[in-house]
Amino acid sequence: MKNEKLINRRNFLKLGVKAGGGAIALSAIPIQLMGADEVTEAEPLAQAMGYVLDAATVDTAKFPKRAGEAGAKQFCYNCALYAGKPEDELAPCSIFQNRPVRGAGWCNAWVAKS
């Protein structure tokens, strides 16, 4: 005698309906693009990346990437990692796990948008 449960067409369809219902229920859960709290300059990752809320306050001796005429044009809002529009005050940044950063800010991971 076999104690194994056979999968027949009826059981297969029941399983499919249950899986489909679960997928629909999961898709109804909203996913936030932006983390809950804004990145601060005091956080260890922010300090390591040289993140500042105001790009004008960057220590160009420590971060020469921001020095000069080209560096003066670097802001979070025109970085490829910034997920907002240039006019947004706050938007998610992929460096900080999609937590919001200031558009007028800057960090050493700045990359020009293409």
PDB file of N, CA and C in Angstrom:
ATOM      1  N   MET A   1       0.816  -1.171   0.000  1.00  0.00           N
ATOM      2  CA  MET A   1       0.000   0.000   0.000  1.00  0.00           C
ATOM      3  C   MET A   1       0.875   1.256   0.000  1.00  0.00           C
ATOM      4  N   LYS A   2       0.428   2.223  -0.734  1.00  0.00           N
ATOM      5  CA  LYS A   2       1.150   3.493  -0.798  1.00  0.00           C
ATOM      6  C   LYS A   2       0.502   4.487   0.153  1.00  0.00           C
ATOM      7  N   ASN A   3       1.339   5.121   0.976  1.00  0.00           N
ATOM      8  CA  ASN A   3       0.855   6.159   1.881  1.00  0.00           C
ATOM      9  C   ASN A   3       1.076   7.546   1.302  1.00  0.00           C
ATOM     10  N   GLU A   4       1.612   7.608   0.104  1.00  0.00           N
ATOM     11  CA  GLU A   4       1.875   8.898  -0.526  1.00  0.00           C
ATOM     12  C   GLU A   4       0.576   9.498  -1.054  1.00  0.00           C
ATOM     13  N   LYS A   5       0.475  10.782  -0.921  1.00  0.00           N
ATOM     14  CA  LYS A   5      -0.702  11.475  -1.431  1.00  0.00           C
ATOM     15  C   LYS A   5      -0.456  11.814  -2.895  1.00  0.00           C
ATOM     16  N   LEU A   6      -1.327  11.345  -3.741  1.00  0.00           N
ATOM     17  CA  LEU A   6      -1.184  11.613  -5.162  1.00  0.00           C
ATOM     18  C   LEU A   6      -1.701  13.005  -5.489  1.00  0.00           C
ATOM     19  N   ILE A   7      -1.022  13.648  -6.413  1.00  0.00           N
ATOM     20  CA  ILE A   7      -1.493  14.954  -6.874  1.00  0.00           C
ATOM     21  C   ILE A   7      -2.335  14.711  -8.120  1.00  0.00           C
ATOM     22  N   ASN A   8      -3.613  14.876  -7.947  1.00  0.00           N
ATOM     23  CA  ASN A   8      -4.488  14.775  -9.107  1.00  0.00           C
ATOM     24  C   ASN A   8      -4.860  16.173  -9.585  1.00  0.00           C
ATOM     25  N   ARG A   9      -5.629  16.226 -10.610  1.00  0.00           N
ATOM     26  CA  ARG A   9      -5.977  17.501 -11.204  1.00  0.00           C
ATOM     27  C   ARG A   9      -6.720  18.403 -10.209  1.00  0.00           C
ATOM     28  N   ARG A  10      -7.620  17.848  -9.436  1.00  0.00           N
ATOM     29  CA  ARG A  10      -8.405  18.630  -8.480  1.00  0.00           C
ATOM     30  C   ARG A  10      -7.488  19.256  -7.422  1.00  0.00           C
ATOM     31  N   ASN A  11      -6.582  18.483  -6.848  1.00  0.00           N
ATOM     32  CA  ASN A  11      -5.668  19.006  -5.833  1.00  0.00           C
ATOM     33  C   ASN A  11      -4.701  20.028  -6.435  1.00  0.00           C
ATOM     34  N   PHE A  12      -4.280  19.785  -7.657  1.00  0.00           N
ATOM     35  CA  PHE A  12      -3.382  20.729  -8.324  1.00  0.00           C
ATOM     36  C   PHE A  12      -4.063  22.082  -8.528  1.00  0.00           C
ATOM     37  N   LEU A  13      -5.327  22.074  -8.930  1.00  0.00           N
ATOM     38  CA  LEU A  13      -6.072  23.319  -9.127  1.00  0.00           C
ATOM     39  C   LEU A  13      -6.326  24.032  -7.802  1.00  0.00           C
ATOM     40  N   LYS A  14      -6.613  23.280  -6.738  1.00  0.00           N
ATOM     41  CA  LYS A  14      -6.800  23.887  -5.415  1.00  0.00           C
ATOM     42  C   LYS A  14      -5.514  24.596  -4.970  1.00  0.00           C
ATOM     43  N   LEU A  15      -4.397  23.947  -5.181  1.00  0.00           N
ATOM     44  CA  LEU A  15      -3.108  24.529  -4.819  1.00  0.00           C
ATOM     45  C   LEU A  15      -2.846  25.798  -5.624  1.00  0.00           C
ATOM     46  N   GLY A  16      -3.186  25.777  -6.901  1.00  0.00           N
ATOM     47  CA  GLY A  16      -2.998  26.951  -7.752  1.00  0.00           C
ATOM     48  C   GLY A  16      -3.841  28.129  -7.303  1.00  0.00           C
ATOM     49  N   VAL A  17      -5.077  27.861  -6.890  1.00  0.00           N
ATOM     50  CA  VAL A  17      -5.968  28.917  -6.417  1.00  0.00           C
ATOM     51  C   VAL A  17      -5.427  29.524  -5.118  1.00  0.00           C
ATOM     52  N   LYS A  18      -4.941  28.673  -4.220  1.00  0.00           N
ATOM     53  CA  LYS A  18      -4.378  29.165  -2.959  1.00  0.00           C
ATOM     54  C   LYS A  18      -3.140  30.014  -3.215  1.00  0.00           C
ATOM     55  N   ALA A  19      -2.276  29.561  -4.102  1.00  0.00           N
ATOM     56  CA  ALA A  19      -1.055  30.316  -4.409  1.00  0.00           C
ATOM     57  C   ALA A  19      -1.394  31.646  -5.076  1.00  0.00           C
ATOM     58  N   GLY A  20      -2.349  31.634  -5.980  1.00  0.00           N
ATOM     59  CA  GLY A  20      -2.763  32.868  -6.646  1.00  0.00           C
ATOM     60  C   GLY A  20      -3.372  33.857  -5.674  1.00  0.00           C
ATOM     61  N   GLY A  21      -4.188  33.372  -4.750  1.00  0.00           N
ATOM     62  CA  GLY A  21      -4.784  34.243  -3.735  1.00  0.00           C
ATOM     63  C   GLY A  21      -3.719  34.857  -2.832  1.00  0.00           C
ATOM     64  N   GLY A  22      -2.716  34.059  -2.493  1.00  0.00           N
ATOM     65  CA  GLY A  22      -1.614  34.574  -1.678  1.00  0.00           C
ATOM     66  C   GLY A  22      -0.829  35.643  -2.413  1.00  0.00           C
ATOM     67  N   ALA A  23      -0.597  35.444  -3.690  1.00  0.00           N
ATOM     68  CA  ALA A  23       0.139  36.423  -4.488  1.00  0.00           C
ATOM     69  C   ALA A  23      -0.642  37.735  -4.595  1.00  0.00           C
ATOM     70  N   ILE A  24      -1.939  37.642  -4.749  1.00  0.00           N
ATOM     71  CA  ILE A  24      -2.771  38.845  -4.827  1.00  0.00           C
ATOM     72  C   ILE A  24      -2.760  39.580  -3.484  1.00  0.00           C
ATOM     73  N   ALA A  25      -2.835  38.836  -2.387  1.00  0.00           N
ATOM     74  CA  ALA A  25      -2.807  39.458  -1.067  1.00  0.00           C
ATOM     75  C   ALA A  25      -1.479  40.170  -0.824  1.00  0.00           C
ATOM     76  N   LEU A  26      -0.366  39.564  -1.220  1.00  0.00           N
ATOM     77  CA  LEU A  26       0.940  40.183  -1.034  1.00  0.00           C
ATOM     78  C   LEU A  26       1.112  41.417  -1.911  1.00  0.00           C
ATOM     79  N   SER A  27       0.524  41.409  -3.075  1.00  0.00           N
ATOM     80  CA  SER A  27       0.664  42.565  -3.959  1.00  0.00           C
ATOM     81  C   SER A  27      -0.129  43.771  -3.447  1.00  0.00           C
ATOM     82  N   ALA A  28      -1.049  43.551  -2.549  1.00  0.00           N
ATOM     83  CA  ALA A  28      -1.843  44.648  -1.999  1.00  0.00           C
ATOM     84  C   ALA A  28      -1.095  45.399  -0.906  1.00  0.00           C
ATOM     85  N   ILE A  29       0.018  44.844  -0.421  1.00  0.00           N
ATOM     86  CA  ILE A  29       0.795  45.503   0.628  1.00  0.00           C
ATOM     87  C   ILE A  29       1.618  46.611  -0.016  1.00  0.00           C
ATOM     88  N   PRO A  30       1.482  47.855   0.447  1.00  0.00           N
ATOM     89  CA  PRO A  30       2.245  48.954  -0.156  1.00  0.00           C
ATOM     90  C   PRO A  30       3.731  48.854   0.194  1.00  0.00           C
ATOM     91  N   ILE A  31       4.554  49.121  -0.773  1.00  0.00           N
ATOM     92  CA  ILE A  31       5.992  49.117  -0.575  1.00  0.00           C
ATOM     93  C   ILE A  31       6.469  50.554  -0.628  1.00  0.00           C
ATOM     94  N   GLN A  32       7.144  51.003   0.427  1.00  0.00           N
ATOM     95  CA  GLN A  32       7.631  52.374   0.458  1.00  0.00           C
ATOM     96  C   GLN A  32       8.962  52.462  -0.261  1.00  0.00           C
ATOM     97  N   LEU A  33       9.097  53.454  -1.119  1.00  0.00           N
ATOM     98  CA  LEU A  33      10.360  53.691  -1.799  1.00  0.00           C
ATOM     99  C   LEU A  33      11.344  54.380  -0.869  1.00  0.00           C
ATOM    100  N   MET A  34      10.824  55.193   0.015  1.00  0.00           N
ATOM    101  CA  MET A  34      11.679  55.985   0.869  1.00  0.00           C
ATOM    102  C   MET A  34      11.658  55.438   2.293  1.00  0.00           C
ATOM    103  N   GLY A  35      12.818  55.372   2.914  1.00  0.00           N
ATOM    104  CA  GLY A  35      12.915  54.973   4.311  1.00  0.00           C
ATOM    105  C   GLY A  35      12.239  55.999   5.204  1.00  0.00           C
ATOM    106  N   ALA A  36      12.085  55.650   6.458  1.00  0.00           N
ATOM    107  CA  ALA A  36      11.301  56.484   7.360  1.00  0.00           C
ATOM    108  C   ALA A  36      11.983  57.793   7.753  1.00  0.00           C
ATOM    109  N   ASP A  37      13.273  57.752   8.066  1.00  0.00           N
ATOM    110  CA  ASP A  37      13.899  58.949   8.603  1.00  0.00           C
ATOM    111  C   ASP A  37      15.020  59.463   7.706  1.00  0.00           C
ATOM    112  N   GLU A  38      15.221  60.751   7.767  1.00  0.00           N
ATOM    113  CA  GLU A  38      16.231  61.416   6.947  1.00  0.00           C
ATOM    114  C   GLU A  38      17.639  61.089   7.452  1.00  0.00           C
ATOM    115  N   VAL A  39      18.574  60.991   6.539  1.00  0.00           N
ATOM    116  CA  VAL A  39      19.972  60.749   6.890  1.00  0.00           C
ATOM    117  C   VAL A  39      20.529  61.995   7.581  1.00  0.00           C
ATOM    118  N   THR A  40      21.258  61.787   8.676  1.00  0.00           N
ATOM    119  CA  THR A  40      21.879  62.901   9.391  1.00  0.00           C
ATOM    120  C   THR A  40      23.395  62.822   9.229  1.00  0.00           C
ATOM    121  N   GLU A  41      24.047  63.923   9.443  1.00  0.00           N
ATOM    122  CA  GLU A  41      25.509  63.989   9.318  1.00  0.00           C
ATOM    123  C   GLU A  41      26.214  63.215  10.423  1.00  0.00           C
ATOM    124  N   ALA A  42      25.513  62.935  11.509  1.00  0.00           N
ATOM    125  CA  ALA A  42      26.120  62.265  12.664  1.00  0.00           C
ATOM    126  C   ALA A  42      26.215  60.746  12.503  1.00  0.00           C
ATOM    127  N   GLU A  43      25.531  60.177  11.537  1.00  0.00           N
ATOM    128  CA  GLU A  43      25.537  58.725  11.359  1.00  0.00           C
ATOM    129  C   GLU A  43      26.898  58.248  10.853  1.00  0.00           C
ATOM    130  N   PRO A  44      27.310  57.049  11.269  1.00  0.00           N
ATOM    131  CA  PRO A  44      28.623  56.532  10.861  1.00  0.00           C
ATOM    132  C   PRO A  44      28.802  56.432   9.339  1.00  0.00           C
ATOM    133  N   LEU A  45      27.794  55.926   8.617  1.00  0.00           N
ATOM    134  CA  LEU A  45      27.917  55.824   7.159  1.00  0.00           C
ATOM    135  C   LEU A  45      27.986  57.207   6.524  1.00  0.00           C
ATOM    136  N   ALA A  46      27.196  58.133   7.029  1.00  0.00           N
ATOM    137  CA  ALA A  46      27.212  59.503   6.502  1.00  0.00           C
ATOM    138  C   ALA A  46      28.578  60.142   6.724  1.00  0.00           C
ATOM    139  N   GLN A  47      29.164  59.919   7.887  1.00  0.00           N
ATOM    140  CA  GLN A  47      30.493  60.464   8.169  1.00  0.00           C
ATOM    141  C   GLN A  47      31.548  59.825   7.270  1.00  0.00           C
ATOM    142  N   ALA A  48      31.436  58.531   7.065  1.00  0.00           N
ATOM    143  CA  ALA A  48      32.400  57.839   6.195  1.00  0.00           C
ATOM    144  C   ALA A  48      32.304  58.326   4.756  1.00  0.00           C
ATOM    145  N   MET A  49      31.105  58.666   4.320  1.00  0.00           N
ATOM    146  CA  MET A  49      30.897  59.128   2.947  1.00  0.00           C
ATOM    147  C   MET A  49      31.073  60.637   2.814  1.00  0.00           C
ATOM    148  N   GLY A  50      31.272  61.334   3.926  1.00  0.00           N
ATOM    149  CA  GLY A  50      31.434  62.787   3.890  1.00  0.00           C
ATOM    150  C   GLY A  50      30.140  63.512   3.598  1.00  0.00           C
ATOM    151  N   TYR A  51      28.997  62.894   3.928  1.00  0.00           N
ATOM    152  CA  TYR A  51      27.693  63.503   3.653  1.00  0.00           C
ATOM    153  C   TYR A  51      27.484  64.754   4.498  1.00  0.00           C
ATOM    154  N   VAL A  52      27.035  65.808   3.845  1.00  0.00           N
ATOM    155  CA  VAL A  52      26.658  67.054   4.516  1.00  0.00           C
ATOM    156  C   VAL A  52      25.292  67.496   3.992  1.00  0.00           C
ATOM    157  N   LEU A  53      24.545  68.163   4.851  1.00  0.00           N
ATOM    158  CA  LEU A  53      23.213  68.640   4.467  1.00  0.00           C
ATOM    159  C   LEU A  53      23.282  69.807   3.492  1.00  0.00           C
ATOM    160  N   ASP A  54      24.363  70.567   3.569  1.00  0.00           N
ATOM    161  CA  ASP A  54      24.564  71.726   2.705  1.00  0.00           C
ATOM    162  C   ASP A  54      25.923  71.577   2.024  1.00  0.00           C
ATOM    163  N   ALA A  55      25.914  71.433   0.712  1.00  0.00           N
ATOM    164  CA  ALA A  55      27.145  71.185  -0.043  1.00  0.00           C
ATOM    165  C   ALA A  55      28.165  72.312   0.103  1.00  0.00           C
ATOM    166  N   ALA A  56      27.728  73.497   0.459  1.00  0.00           N
ATOM    167  CA  ALA A  56      28.652  74.624   0.631  1.00  0.00           C
ATOM    168  C   ALA A  56      29.571  74.435   1.837  1.00  0.00           C
ATOM    169  N   THR A  57      29.225  73.525   2.737  1.00  0.00           N
ATOM    170  CA  THR A  57      30.008  73.323   3.958  1.00  0.00           C
ATOM    171  C   THR A  57      31.018  72.175   3.848  1.00  0.00           C
ATOM    172  N   VAL A  58      31.210  71.624   2.662  1.00  0.00           N
ATOM    173  CA  VAL A  58      32.144  70.503   2.483  1.00  0.00           C
ATOM    174  C   VAL A  58      33.579  70.968   2.715  1.00  0.00           C
ATOM    175  N   ASP A  59      34.330  70.176   3.461  1.00  0.00           N
ATOM    176  CA  ASP A  59      35.758  70.430   3.684  1.00  0.00           C
ATOM    177  C   ASP A  59      36.501  69.953   2.426  1.00  0.00           C
ATOM    178  N   THR A  60      36.834  70.888   1.534  1.00  0.00           N
ATOM    179  CA  THR A  60      37.462  70.516   0.258  1.00  0.00           C
ATOM    180  C   THR A  60      38.895  70.017   0.433  1.00  0.00           C
ATOM    181  N   ALA A  61      39.517  70.282   1.569  1.00  0.00           N
ATOM    182  CA  ALA A  61      40.844  69.727   1.834  1.00  0.00           C
ATOM    183  C   ALA A  61      40.721  68.221   2.086  1.00  0.00           C
ATOM    184  N   LYS A  62      39.657  67.833   2.753  1.00  0.00           N
ATOM    185  CA  LYS A  62      39.415  66.421   3.048  1.00  0.00           C
ATOM    186  C   LYS A  62      38.788  65.699   1.856  1.00  0.00           C
ATOM    187  N   PHE A  63      37.946  66.411   1.103  1.00  0.00           N
ATOM    188  CA  PHE A  63      37.258  65.848  -0.056  1.00  0.00           C
ATOM    189  C   PHE A  63      37.541  66.713  -1.285  1.00  0.00           C
ATOM    190  N   PRO A  64      38.708  66.537  -1.912  1.00  0.00           N
ATOM    191  CA  PRO A  64      39.085  67.374  -3.061  1.00  0.00           C
ATOM    192  C   PRO A  64      38.180  67.191  -4.273  1.00  0.00           C
ATOM    193  N   LYS A  65      37.398  66.132  -4.286  1.00  0.00           N
ATOM    194  CA  LYS A  65      36.447  65.905  -5.388  1.00  0.00           C
ATOM    195  C   LYS A  65      35.461  67.068  -5.500  1.00  0.00           C
ATOM    196  N   ARG A  66      35.156  67.689  -4.383  1.00  0.00           N
ATOM    197  CA  ARG A  66      34.182  68.800  -4.345  1.00  0.00           C
ATOM    198  C   ARG A  66      34.850  70.149  -4.616  1.00  0.00           C
ATOM    199  N   ALA A  67      36.173  70.197  -4.666  1.00  0.00           N
ATOM    200  CA  ALA A  67      36.893  71.460  -4.879  1.00  0.00           C
ATOM    201  C   ALA A  67      36.857  71.868  -6.342  1.00  0.00           C
ATOM    202  N   GLY A  68      37.075  73.125  -6.582  1.00  0.00           N
ATOM    203  CA  GLY A  68      37.177  73.642  -7.947  1.00  0.00           C
ATOM    204  C   GLY A  68      35.844  73.970  -8.567  1.00  0.00           C
ATOM    205  N   GLU A  69      35.916  74.384  -9.816  1.00  0.00           N
ATOM    206  CA  GLU A  69      34.718  74.800 -10.545  1.00  0.00           C
ATOM    207  C   GLU A  69      33.766  73.629 -10.800  1.00  0.00           C
ATOM    208  N   ALA A  70      34.328  72.466 -11.178  1.00  0.00           N
ATOM    209  CA  ALA A  70      33.491  71.288 -11.427  1.00  0.00           C
ATOM    210  C   ALA A  70      32.864  70.779 -10.137  1.00  0.00           C
ATOM    211  N   GLY A  71      33.615  70.800  -9.050  1.00  0.00           N
ATOM    212  CA  GLY A  71      33.103  70.345  -7.762  1.00  0.00           C
ATOM    213  C   GLY A  71      32.000  71.230  -7.211  1.00  0.00           C
ATOM    214  N   ALA A  72      32.059  72.508  -7.529  1.00  0.00           N
ATOM    215  CA  ALA A  72      31.043  73.445  -7.041  1.00  0.00           C
ATOM    216  C   ALA A  72      29.668  73.158  -7.643  1.00  0.00           C
ATOM    217  N   LYS A  73      29.621  72.390  -8.712  1.00  0.00           N
ATOM    218  CA  LYS A  73      28.354  72.050  -9.363  1.00  0.00           C
ATOM    219  C   LYS A  73      27.783  70.717  -8.864  1.00  0.00           C
ATOM    220  N   GLN A  74      28.460  70.084  -7.907  1.00  0.00           N
ATOM    221  CA  GLN A  74      28.028  68.780  -7.403  1.00  0.00           C
ATOM    222  C   GLN A  74      27.085  68.947  -6.206  1.00  0.00           C
ATOM    223  N   PHE A  75      25.880  68.419  -6.361  1.00  0.00           N
ATOM    224  CA  PHE A  75      24.870  68.412  -5.304  1.00  0.00           C
ATOM    225  C   PHE A  75      24.158  67.065  -5.368  1.00  0.00           C
ATOM    226  N   CYS A  76      23.508  66.692  -4.294  1.00  0.00           N
ATOM    227  CA  CYS A  76      22.751  65.438  -4.303  1.00  0.00           C
ATOM    228  C   CYS A  76      21.703  65.433  -5.424  1.00  0.00           C
ATOM    229  N   TYR A  77      21.043  66.567  -5.647  1.00  0.00           N
ATOM    230  CA  TYR A  77      19.963  66.600  -6.635  1.00  0.00           C
ATOM    231  C   TYR A  77      20.426  66.330  -8.066  1.00  0.00           C
ATOM    232  N   ASN A  78      21.723  66.497  -8.366  1.00  0.00           N
ATOM    233  CA  ASN A  78      22.187  66.173  -9.729  1.00  0.00           C
ATOM    234  C   ASN A  78      23.117  64.962  -9.736  1.00  0.00           C
ATOM    235  N   CYS A  79      22.977  64.112  -8.712  1.00  0.00           N
ATOM    236  CA  CYS A  79      23.748  62.867  -8.619  1.00  0.00           C
ATOM    237  C   CYS A  79      22.914  61.714  -9.191  1.00  0.00           C
ATOM    238  N   ALA A  80      23.565  60.772  -9.812  1.00  0.00           N
ATOM    239  CA  ALA A  80      22.879  59.616 -10.401  1.00  0.00           C
ATOM    240  C   ALA A  80      22.246  58.720  -9.333  1.00  0.00           C
ATOM    241  N   LEU A  81      22.696  58.808  -8.109  1.00  0.00           N
ATOM    242  CA  LEU A  81      22.186  57.958  -7.035  1.00  0.00           C
ATOM    243  C   LEU A  81      20.964  58.562  -6.340  1.00  0.00           C
ATOM    244  N   TYR A  82      20.648  59.807  -6.650  1.00  0.00           N
ATOM    245  CA  TYR A  82      19.517  60.535  -6.066  1.00  0.00           C
ATOM    246  C   TYR A  82      18.261  60.174  -6.854  1.00  0.00           C
ATOM    247  N   ALA A  83      17.258  59.642  -6.170  1.00  0.00           N
ATOM    248  CA  ALA A  83      16.058  59.147  -6.852  1.00  0.00           C
ATOM    249  C   ALA A  83      14.929  60.158  -6.909  1.00  0.00           C
ATOM    250  N   GLY A  84      15.249  61.423  -6.835  1.00  0.00           N
ATOM    251  CA  GLY A  84      14.215  62.446  -6.887  1.00  0.00           C
ATOM    252  C   GLY A  84      14.417  63.386  -8.051  1.00  0.00           C
ATOM    253  N   LYS A  85      13.578  64.399  -8.092  1.00  0.00           N
ATOM    254  CA  LYS A  85      13.697  65.439  -9.108  1.00  0.00           C
ATOM    255  C   LYS A  85      14.611  66.540  -8.567  1.00  0.00           C
ATOM    256  N   PRO A  86      15.238  67.311  -9.432  1.00  0.00           N
ATOM    257  CA  PRO A  86      16.127  68.385  -8.964  1.00  0.00           C
ATOM    258  C   PRO A  86      15.457  69.372  -8.010  1.00  0.00           C
ATOM    259  N   GLU A  87      14.171  69.597  -8.156  1.00  0.00           N
ATOM    260  CA  GLU A  87      13.486  70.560  -7.291  1.00  0.00           C
ATOM    261  C   GLU A  87      13.029  69.961  -5.953  1.00  0.00           C
ATOM    262  N   ASP A  88      13.182  68.646  -5.759  1.00  0.00           N
ATOM    263  CA  ASP A  88      12.790  68.016  -4.493  1.00  0.00           C
ATOM    264  C   ASP A  88      13.756  68.393  -3.375  1.00  0.00           C
ATOM    265  N   GLU A  89      13.207  68.758  -2.231  1.00  0.00           N
ATOM    266  CA  GLU A  89      14.051  69.086  -1.074  1.00  0.00           C
ATOM    267  C   GLU A  89      14.667  67.815  -0.492  1.00  0.00           C
ATOM    268  N   LEU A  90      13.880  66.742  -0.443  1.00  0.00           N
ATOM    269  CA  LEU A  90      14.329  65.439   0.043  1.00  0.00           C
ATOM    270  C   LEU A  90      13.972  64.371  -0.966  1.00  0.00           C
ATOM    271  N   ALA A  91      14.847  63.387  -1.110  1.00  0.00           N
ATOM    272  CA  ALA A  91      14.564  62.252  -1.988  1.00  0.00           C
ATOM    273  C   ALA A  91      15.446  61.084  -1.572  1.00  0.00           C
ATOM    274  N   PRO A  92      15.056  59.863  -1.926  1.00  0.00           N
ATOM    275  CA  PRO A  92      15.836  58.690  -1.555  1.00  0.00           C
ATOM    276  C   PRO A  92      17.193  58.645  -2.260  1.00  0.00           C
ATOM    277  N   CYS A  93      18.177  58.091  -1.556  1.00  0.00           N
ATOM    278  CA  CYS A  93      19.516  57.891  -2.119  1.00  0.00           C
ATOM    279  C   CYS A  93      19.880  56.430  -1.939  1.00  0.00           C
ATOM    280  N   SER A  94      20.360  55.791  -2.998  1.00  0.00           N
ATOM    281  CA  SER A  94      20.673  54.372  -2.933  1.00  0.00           C
ATOM    282  C   SER A  94      21.881  54.076  -2.049  1.00  0.00           C
ATOM    283  N   ILE A  95      22.764  55.022  -1.834  1.00  0.00           N
ATOM    284  CA  ILE A  95      23.909  54.822  -0.939  1.00  0.00           C
ATOM    285  C   ILE A  95      23.431  54.598   0.495  1.00  0.00           C
ATOM    286  N   PHE A  96      22.370  55.281   0.870  1.00  0.00           N
ATOM    287  CA  PHE A  96      21.855  55.214   2.236  1.00  0.00           C
ATOM    288  C   PHE A  96      20.589  54.359   2.323  1.00  0.00           C
ATOM    289  N   GLN A  97      20.530  53.285   1.563  1.00  0.00           N
ATOM    290  CA  GLN A  97      19.427  52.323   1.570  1.00  0.00           C
ATOM    291  C   GLN A  97      18.071  52.992   1.317  1.00  0.00           C
ATOM    292  N   ASN A  98      18.065  53.903   0.360  1.00  0.00           N
ATOM    293  CA  ASN A  98      16.861  54.630  -0.067  1.00  0.00           C
ATOM    294  C   ASN A  98      16.238  55.479   1.036  1.00  0.00           C
ATOM    295  N   ARG A  99      17.036  55.889   1.980  1.00  0.00           N
ATOM    296  CA  ARG A  99      16.577  56.857   2.973  1.00  0.00           C
ATOM    297  C   ARG A  99      16.733  58.249   2.371  1.00  0.00           C
ATOM    298  N   PRO A 100      15.899  59.200   2.794  1.00  0.00           N
ATOM    299  CA  PRO A 100      15.955  60.531   2.182  1.00  0.00           C
ATOM    300  C   PRO A 100      17.197  61.331   2.564  1.00  0.00           C
ATOM    301  N   VAL A 101      17.717  62.027   1.567  1.00  0.00           N
ATOM    302  CA  VAL A 101      18.825  62.962   1.751  1.00  0.00           C
ATOM    303  C   VAL A 101      18.394  64.318   1.207  1.00  0.00           C
ATOM    304  N   ARG A 102      19.081  65.354   1.588  1.00  0.00           N
ATOM    305  CA  ARG A 102      18.773  66.711   1.119  1.00  0.00           C
ATOM    306  C   ARG A 102      19.270  66.892  -0.306  1.00  0.00           C
ATOM    307  N   GLY A 103      18.458  67.523  -1.134  1.00  0.00           N
ATOM    308  CA  GLY A 103      18.854  67.808  -2.509  1.00  0.00           C
ATOM    309  C   GLY A 103      20.042  68.748  -2.577  1.00  0.00           C
ATOM    310  N   ALA A 104      20.157  69.636  -1.605  1.00  0.00           N
ATOM    311  CA  ALA A 104      21.254  70.602  -1.556  1.00  0.00           C
ATOM    312  C   ALA A 104      22.495  70.020  -0.888  1.00  0.00           C
ATOM    313  N   GLY A 105      22.428  68.757  -0.472  1.00  0.00           N
ATOM    314  CA  GLY A 105      23.549  68.113   0.202  1.00  0.00           C
ATOM    315  C   GLY A 105      24.583  67.570  -0.771  1.00  0.00           C
ATOM    316  N   TRP A 106      25.550  66.840  -0.208  1.00  0.00           N
ATOM    317  CA  TRP A 106      26.628  66.258  -1.014  1.00  0.00           C
ATOM    318  C   TRP A 106      27.274  65.125  -0.231  1.00  0.00           C
ATOM    319  N   CYS A 107      27.796  64.118  -0.948  1.00  0.00           N
ATOM    320  CA  CYS A 107      28.649  63.105  -0.324  1.00  0.00           C
ATOM    321  C   CYS A 107      29.700  62.665  -1.338  1.00  0.00           C
ATOM    322  N   ASN A 108      30.704  61.967  -0.868  1.00  0.00           N
ATOM    323  CA  ASN A 108      31.839  61.578  -1.692  1.00  0.00           C
ATOM    324  C   ASN A 108      31.485  60.529  -2.751  1.00  0.00           C
ATOM    325  N   ALA A 109      30.298  59.965  -2.676  1.00  0.00           N
ATOM    326  CA  ALA A 109      29.865  58.975  -3.668  1.00  0.00           C
ATOM    327  C   ALA A 109      29.201  59.647  -4.874  1.00  0.00           C
ATOM    328  N   TRP A 110      29.222  60.966  -4.942  1.00  0.00           N
ATOM    329  CA  TRP A 110      28.548  61.703  -6.013  1.00  0.00           C
ATOM    330  C   TRP A 110      29.001  61.195  -7.375  1.00  0.00           C
ATOM    331  N   VAL A 111      28.040  60.924  -8.246  1.00  0.00           N
ATOM    332  CA  VAL A 111      28.271  60.473  -9.626  1.00  0.00           C
ATOM    333  C   VAL A 111      27.377  61.308 -10.537  1.00  0.00           C
ATOM    334  N   ALA A 112      27.932  61.813 -11.613  1.00  0.00           N
ATOM    335  CA  ALA A 112      27.144  62.648 -12.542  1.00  0.00           C
ATOM    336  C   ALA A 112      26.045  61.837 -13.193  1.00  0.00           C
ATOM    337  N   LYS A 113      24.875  62.464 -13.317  1.00  0.00           N
ATOM    338  CA  LYS A 113      23.774  61.827 -14.059  1.00  0.00           C
ATOM    339  C   LYS A 113      24.139  61.811 -15.534  1.00  0.00           C
ATOM    340  N   SER A 114      23.781  60.721 -16.172  1.00  0.00           N
ATOM    341  CA  SER A 114      24.101  60.654 -17.617  1.00  0.00           C
ATOM    342  C   SER A 114      22.936  61.066 -18.476  1.00  0.00           C
TER     343      SER A 114
END
